[in-house]
C-alpha atoms as a PDB file:
ATOM      1  CA  MET A   1       0.093   0.157   0.113  1.00  0.00           C
ATOM      2  CA  SER A   2       1.261   3.456  -0.640  1.00  0.00           C
ATOM      3  CA  LEU A   3       0.876   6.653   0.708  1.00  0.00           C
ATOM      4  CA  ASP A   4       0.113   9.579  -1.803  1.00  0.00           C
ATOM      5  CA  GLY A   5      -0.120  12.420   0.757  1.00  0.00           C
ATOM      6  CA  ARG A   6      -3.673  12.514   0.359  1.00  0.00           C
ATOM      7  CA  GLY A   7      -4.369  11.890   4.132  1.00  0.00           C
ATOM      8  CA  SER A   8      -2.159  14.208   5.536  1.00  0.00           C
ATOM      9  CA  ALA A   9      -3.854  17.037   3.178  1.00  0.00           C
ATOM     10  CA  SER A  10      -7.194  16.110   4.400  1.00  0.00           C
ATOM     11  CA  ILE A  11      -5.792  16.532   8.075  1.00  0.00           C
ATOM     12  CA  GLU A  12      -4.518  19.720   7.226  1.00  0.00           C
ATOM     13  CA  LEU A  13      -7.543  20.610   5.731  1.00  0.00           C
ATOM     14  CA  ALA A  14      -9.183  19.983   9.167  1.00  0.00           C
ATOM     15  CA  LEU A  15      -6.969  21.502  11.216  1.00  0.00           C
ATOM     16  CA  VAL A  16      -6.726  25.007   8.807  1.00  0.00           C
ATOM     17  CA  THR A  17     -10.796  24.848   9.325  1.00  0.00           C
ATOM     18  CA  LEU A  18     -10.908  24.332  13.111  1.00  0.00           C
ATOM     19  CA  PHE A  19      -8.451  26.567  13.471  1.00  0.00           C
ATOM     20  CA  PHE A  20      -8.877  29.542  10.944  1.00  0.00           C
ATOM     21  CA  PHE A  21     -12.565  29.006   9.383  1.00  0.00           C
ATOM     22  CA  LEU A  22     -14.481  28.437  12.219  1.00  0.00           C
ATOM     23  CA  PRO A  23     -13.546  31.374  14.686  1.00  0.00           C
ATOM     24  CA  LEU A  24     -13.558  33.885  11.055  1.00  0.00           C
ATOM     25  CA  VAL A  25     -17.090  32.666  10.876  1.00  0.00           C
ATOM     26  CA  THR A  26     -18.189  32.404  14.793  1.00  0.00           C
ATOM     27  CA  GLY A  27     -16.435  36.212  14.991  1.00  0.00           C
ATOM     28  CA  THR A  28     -18.339  37.356  11.973  1.00  0.00           C
ATOM     29  CA  ALA A  29     -21.557  36.362  13.507  1.00  0.00           C
ATOM     30  CA  ASP A  30     -21.009  37.977  16.681  1.00  0.00           C
ATOM     31  CA  PHE A  31     -19.629  41.405  14.653  1.00  0.00           C
ATOM     32  CA  MET A  32     -23.076  40.965  12.852  1.00  0.00           C
ATOM     33  CA  PHE A  33     -25.543  41.038  15.748  1.00  0.00           C
ATOM     34  CA  ILE A  34     -23.375  44.010  17.400  1.00  0.00           C
ATOM     35  CA  MET A  35     -23.648  46.157  14.559  1.00  0.00           C
ATOM     36  CA  ALA A  36     -27.613  45.543  14.187  1.00  0.00           C
ATOM     37  CA  GLY A  37     -27.776  46.049  17.966  1.00  0.00           C
ATOM     38  CA  ARG A  38     -25.936  49.149  17.038  1.00  0.00           C
ATOM     39  CA  SER A  39     -27.975  49.913  14.385  1.00  0.00           C
ATOM     40  CA  GLN A  40     -31.643  49.448  16.801  1.00  0.00           C
ATOM     41  CA  MET A  41     -29.890  51.836  19.541  1.00  0.00           C
ATOM     42  CA  ALA A  42     -29.428  54.628  16.587  1.00  0.00           C
ATOM     43  CA  ALA A  43     -33.284  53.896  15.783  1.00  0.00           C
ATOM     44  CA  ALA A  44     -34.251  54.142  19.030  1.00  0.00           C
ATOM     45  CA  MET A  45     -32.529  57.041  19.998  1.00  0.00           C
ATOM     46  CA  ARG A  46     -33.543  58.977  16.484  1.00  0.00           C
ATOM     47  CA  ALA A  47     -37.618  57.810  17.908  1.00  0.00           C
ATOM     48  CA  VAL A  48     -36.750  59.374  21.130  1.00  0.00           C
ATOM     49  CA  HIS A  49     -35.560  62.575  19.484  1.00  0.00           C
ATOM     50  CA  ILE A  50     -38.576  63.135  17.587  1.00  0.00           C
ATOM     51  CA  PHE A  51     -40.659  62.195  20.611  1.00  0.00           C
ATOM     52  CA  ALA A  52     -38.513  65.238  22.513  1.00  0.00           C
ATOM     53  CA  TRP A  53     -38.980  67.725  19.209  1.00  0.00           C
ATOM     54  CA  SER A  54     -42.962  67.058  19.054  1.00  0.00           C
ATOM     55  CA  ASP A  55     -43.885  67.710  22.901  1.00  0.00           C
ATOM     56  CA  PRO A  56     -40.424  69.715  24.483  1.00  0.00           C
ATOM     57  CA  ASN A  57     -43.095  70.042  27.622  1.00  0.00           C
ATOM     58  CA  ASP A  58     -42.631  66.331  27.948  1.00  0.00           C
ATOM     59  CA  SER A  59     -39.040  65.947  27.014  1.00  0.00           C
ATOM     60  CA  THR A  60     -37.719  64.417  29.824  1.00  0.00           C
ATOM     61  CA  ASN A  61     -40.779  62.033  31.325  1.00  0.00           C
ATOM     62  CA  ALA A  62     -38.973  58.929  32.024  1.00  0.00           C
ATOM     63  CA  ASP A  63     -42.496  57.063  32.051  1.00  0.00           C
ATOM     64  CA  ASP A  64     -43.553  58.616  28.518  1.00  0.00           C
ATOM     65  CA  ILE A  65     -40.007  57.604  26.750  1.00  0.00           C
ATOM     66  CA  ASN A  66     -39.895  54.355  28.519  1.00  0.00           C
ATOM     67  CA  HIS A  67     -43.266  53.477  27.153  1.00  0.00           C
ATOM     68  CA  LEU A  68     -41.478  54.328  23.418  1.00  0.00           C
ATOM     69  CA  LEU A  69     -38.715  52.270  23.704  1.00  0.00           C
ATOM     70  CA  ALA A  70     -41.650  49.476  24.875  1.00  0.00           C
ATOM     71  CA  LEU A  71     -43.330  49.764  21.848  1.00  0.00           C
ATOM     72  CA  ARG A  72     -40.460  49.904  19.666  1.00  0.00           C
ATOM     73  CA  ALA A  73     -39.173  46.592  21.591  1.00  0.00           C
ATOM     74  CA  GLY A  74     -41.757  44.814  18.625  1.00  0.00           C
ATOM     75  CA  THR A  75     -39.249  45.493  16.113  1.00  0.00           C
ATOM     76  CA  ASP A  76     -36.013  45.151  17.901  1.00  0.00           C
ATOM     77  CA  VAL A  77     -33.879  42.178  18.648  1.00  0.00           C
ATOM     78  CA  ASP A  78     -33.004  43.213  22.233  1.00  0.00           C
ATOM     79  CA  SER A  79     -34.776  45.252  24.469  1.00  0.00           C
ATOM     80  CA  ILE A  80     -33.420  48.654  24.814  1.00  0.00           C
ATOM     81  CA  THR A  81     -33.954  50.565  27.960  1.00  0.00           C
ATOM     82  CA  LEU A  82     -33.203  54.347  29.304  1.00  0.00           C
ATOM     83  CA  ALA A  83     -30.354  54.176  31.254  1.00  0.00           C
ATOM     84  CA  GLU A  84     -30.858  56.923  34.124  1.00  0.00           C
ATOM     85  CA  PRO A  85     -33.813  59.671  33.793  1.00  0.00           C
ATOM     86  CA  PRO A  86     -32.979  62.565  31.101  1.00  0.00           C
ATOM     87  CA  THR A  87     -31.323  66.017  32.267  1.00  0.00           C
ATOM     88  CA  LEU A  88     -32.523  68.937  31.659  1.00  0.00           C
ATOM     89  CA  SER A  89     -29.934  71.620  31.435  1.00  0.00           C
ATOM     90  CA  PHE A  90     -30.004  75.402  29.980  1.00  0.00           C
ATOM     91  CA  THR A  91     -27.787  77.325  27.684  1.00  0.00           C
ATOM     92  CA  CYS A  92     -27.443  80.652  26.124  1.00  0.00           C
ATOM     93  CA  LEU A  93     -27.445  80.781  22.803  1.00  0.00           C
ATOM     94  CA  GLN A  94     -25.629  83.610  21.094  1.00  0.00           C
ATOM     95  CA  SER A  95     -25.996  85.504  17.722  1.00  0.00           C
ATOM     96  CA  ASP A  96     -22.746  84.059  16.858  1.00  0.00           C
ATOM     97  CA  GLY A  97     -23.860  80.435  17.700  1.00  0.00           C
ATOM     98  CA  SER A  98     -21.766  79.884  20.625  1.00  0.00           C
ATOM     99  CA  GLU A  99     -23.228  78.898  23.638  1.00  0.00           C
ATOM    100  CA  THR A 100     -22.534  80.481  27.267  1.00  0.00           C
ATOM    101  CA  SER A 101     -23.835  78.796  31.001  1.00  0.00           C
ATOM    102  CA  ALA A 102     -27.301  79.981  32.054  1.00  0.00           C
ATOM    103  CA  THR A 103     -28.237  81.416  35.701  1.00  0.00           C
ATOM    104  CA  VAL A 104     -30.843  79.155  36.793  1.00  0.00           C
ATOM    105  CA  THR A 105     -32.318  80.324  40.059  1.00  0.00           C
ATOM    106  CA  PHE A 106     -35.168  78.231  42.327  1.00  0.00           C
ATOM    107  CA  ASN A 107     -37.684  79.314  43.871  1.00  0.00           C
ATOM    108  CA  SER A 108     -38.007  78.570  47.678  1.00  0.00           C
ATOM    109  CA  GLY A 109     -38.174  75.175  48.208  1.00  0.00           C
ATOM    110  CA  TYR A 110     -36.502  74.065  44.411  1.00  0.00           C
ATOM    111  CA  SER A 111     -33.257  72.470  43.856  1.00  0.00           C
ATOM    112  CA  GLN A 112     -31.259  71.358  40.949  1.00  0.00           C
ATOM    113  CA  SER A 113     -32.899  67.821  41.685  1.00  0.00           C
ATOM    114  CA  ASP A 114     -36.191  69.040  41.051  1.00  0.00           C
ATOM    115  CA  LEU A 115     -34.803  70.561  37.927  1.00  0.00           C
ATOM    116  CA  SER A 116     -35.826  67.428  35.672  1.00  0.00           C
ATOM    117  CA  THR A 117     -39.033  66.019  36.915  1.00  0.00           C
ATOM    118  CA  ALA A 118     -40.052  70.167  36.637  1.00  0.00           C
ATOM    119  CA  ALA A 119     -40.389  69.888  33.302  1.00  0.00           C
ATOM    120  CA  ALA A 120     -42.088  66.474  32.990  1.00  0.00           C
ATOM    121  CA  THR A 121     -44.939  67.253  35.176  1.00  0.00           C
ATOM    122  CA  SER A 122     -45.590  71.248  35.046  1.00  0.00           C
ATOM    123  CA  GLY A 123     -43.866  72.057  31.450  1.00  0.00           C
ATOM    124  CA  LEU A 124     -41.404  74.330  29.710  1.00  0.00           C
ATOM    125  CA  ASN A 125     -42.697  77.973  29.199  1.00  0.00           C
ATOM    126  CA  SER A 126     -42.544  77.565  25.569  1.00  0.00           C
ATOM    127  CA  LYS A 127     -42.443  80.940  24.213  1.00  0.00           C
ATOM    128  CA  PRO A 128     -43.144  81.186  20.037  1.00  0.00           C
ATOM    129  CA  VAL A 129     -39.380  83.481  19.790  1.00  0.00           C
ATOM    130  CA  PRO A 130     -36.300  83.676  21.491  1.00  0.00           C
ATOM    131  CA  SER A 131     -35.602  84.916  25.099  1.00  0.00           C
ATOM    132  CA  SER A 132     -33.070  85.924  27.629  1.00  0.00           C
ATOM    133  CA  THR A 133     -35.324  84.716  30.137  1.00  0.00           C
ATOM    134  CA  GLU A 134     -37.343  81.286  30.822  1.00  0.00           C
ATOM    135  CA  THR A 135     -39.802  80.183  32.943  1.00  0.00           C
ATOM    136  CA  ILE A 136     -39.057  76.574  34.370  1.00  0.00           C
ATOM    137  CA  GLY A 137     -42.172  74.760  34.598  1.00  0.00           C
ATOM    138  CA  SER A 138     -44.858  76.328  37.306  1.00  0.00           C
ATOM    139  CA  GLY A 139     -43.152  78.055  39.910  1.00  0.00           C
ATOM    140  CA  ILE A 140     -39.993  75.933  40.174  1.00  0.00           C
ATOM    141  CA  GLY A 141     -37.714  78.899  38.746  1.00  0.00           C
ATOM    142  CA  THR A 142     -35.726  80.731  36.046  1.00  0.00           C
ATOM    143  CA  ALA A 143     -33.434  80.140  33.545  1.00  0.00           C
ATOM    144  CA  SER A 144     -31.979  83.196  32.234  1.00  0.00           C
ATOM    145  CA  CYS A 145     -28.903  84.858  29.718  1.00  0.00           C
ATOM    146  CA  ALA A 146     -27.393  88.342  30.459  1.00  0.00           C
ATOM    147  CA  THR A 147     -27.031  88.099  26.106  1.00  0.00           C
ATOM    148  CA  GLY A 148     -28.305  85.402  24.208  1.00  0.00           C
ATOM    149  CA  SER A 149     -31.560  83.700  24.184  1.00  0.00           C
ATOM    150  CA  VAL A 150     -31.905  80.480  26.975  1.00  0.00           C
ATOM    151  CA  GLN A 151     -31.411  77.231  25.211  1.00  0.00           C
ATOM    152  CA  ALA A 152     -33.173  74.043  26.752  1.00  0.00           C
ATOM    153  CA  LYS A 153     -31.013  71.026  26.516  1.00  0.00           C
ATOM    154  CA  VAL A 154     -32.074  67.269  27.537  1.00  0.00           C
ATOM    155  CA  THR A 155     -29.348  64.953  27.725  1.00  0.00           C
ATOM    156  CA  TYR A 156     -30.488  60.740  27.006  1.00  0.00           C
ATOM    157  CA  VAL A 157     -28.823  58.095  27.737  1.00  0.00           C
ATOM    158  CA  LEU A 158     -29.800  54.478  26.065  1.00  0.00           C
ATOM    159  CA  ASN A 159     -28.632  50.791  27.304  1.00  0.00           C
ATOM    160  CA  ASP A 160     -29.023  47.817  25.269  1.00  0.00           C
ATOM    161  CA  ASN A 161     -27.533  43.996  26.170  1.00  0.00           C
ATOM    162  CA  VAL A 162     -26.820  42.376  22.534  1.00  0.00           C
ATOM    163  CA  HIS A 163     -27.433  38.735  22.511  1.00  0.00           C
ATOM    164  CA  ILE A 164     -24.724  37.103  20.701  1.00  0.00           C
ATOM    165  CA  PRO A 165     -24.117  33.774  19.135  1.00  0.00           C
ATOM    166  CA  VAL A 166     -20.810  32.684  20.530  1.00  0.00           C
ATOM    167  CA  PRO A 167     -19.784  34.146  23.727  1.00  0.00           C
ATOM    168  CA  LEU A 168     -16.728  36.471  24.246  1.00  0.00           C
ATOM    169  CA  PRO A 169     -14.067  35.709  26.658  1.00  0.00           C
ATOM    170  CA  LYS A 170     -14.695  39.067  28.343  1.00  0.00           C
ATOM    171  CA  TYR A 171     -18.489  39.762  28.171  1.00  0.00           C
ATOM    172  CA  GLY A 172     -20.173  36.044  27.269  1.00  0.00           C
ATOM    173  CA  ASP A 173     -23.310  35.846  25.793  1.00  0.00           C
ATOM    174  CA  THR A 174     -24.318  39.708  26.041  1.00  0.00           C
ATOM    175  CA  PHE A 175     -22.646  42.142  24.767  1.00  0.00           C
ATOM    176  CA  PRO A 176     -23.495  45.331  26.647  1.00  0.00           C
ATOM    177  CA  MET A 177     -23.729  48.929  25.196  1.00  0.00           C
ATOM    178  CA  THR A 178     -24.526  52.622  25.805  1.00  0.00           C
ATOM    179  CA  ILE A 179     -25.867  55.767  23.659  1.00  0.00           C
ATOM    180  CA  SER A 180     -25.847  59.014  24.646  1.00  0.00           C
ATOM    181  CA  SER A 181     -27.367  62.199  23.120  1.00  0.00           C
ATOM    182  CA  THR A 182     -28.210  66.030  24.024  1.00  0.00           C
ATOM    183  CA  ILE A 183     -30.531  67.633  21.987  1.00  0.00           C
ATOM    184  CA  TRP A 184     -32.105  71.271  22.087  1.00  0.00           C
ATOM    185  CA  VAL A 185     -36.082  70.581  23.149  1.00  0.00           C
ATOM    186  CA  HIS A 186     -36.137  74.581  23.226  1.00  0.00           C
END
């Protein structure tokens, strides 16, 4: 019986498949799941932005935002959630497009911790034209600028745990992702 090398070629093919192609294919599958999760998070953040722009008075209402994300969950592979309550802040927009800090004055009994819930429960004072003073909620306080107009900004942070088919050494079978965004709502 003669050996012509066909046996060694099949062993080499098995080794190449095991140590090269199998990790390549499984890594590609994980990468595809992670990219799909990233795309879904971007779409969820766009939906939150549209919600905030359509009703600035409700832009910091965490319950409504979580409800919106739950409605979107039917089209997503994983569950995207609001990581923390939205943060409301105020800046002064100058005529040249630059920003400076706004002065926020709280009425008696209110503090910085009431700021985000103020917009959710009482609403921002929406004026059709830019102003150097903005009333926060009903009796919470005021935001003012020496020059420029007051602009309200809301920061959102979303979380997702993407389930991947092949566990990664550091993350296991879920890959955590976070996305944050700050937008002008008024």
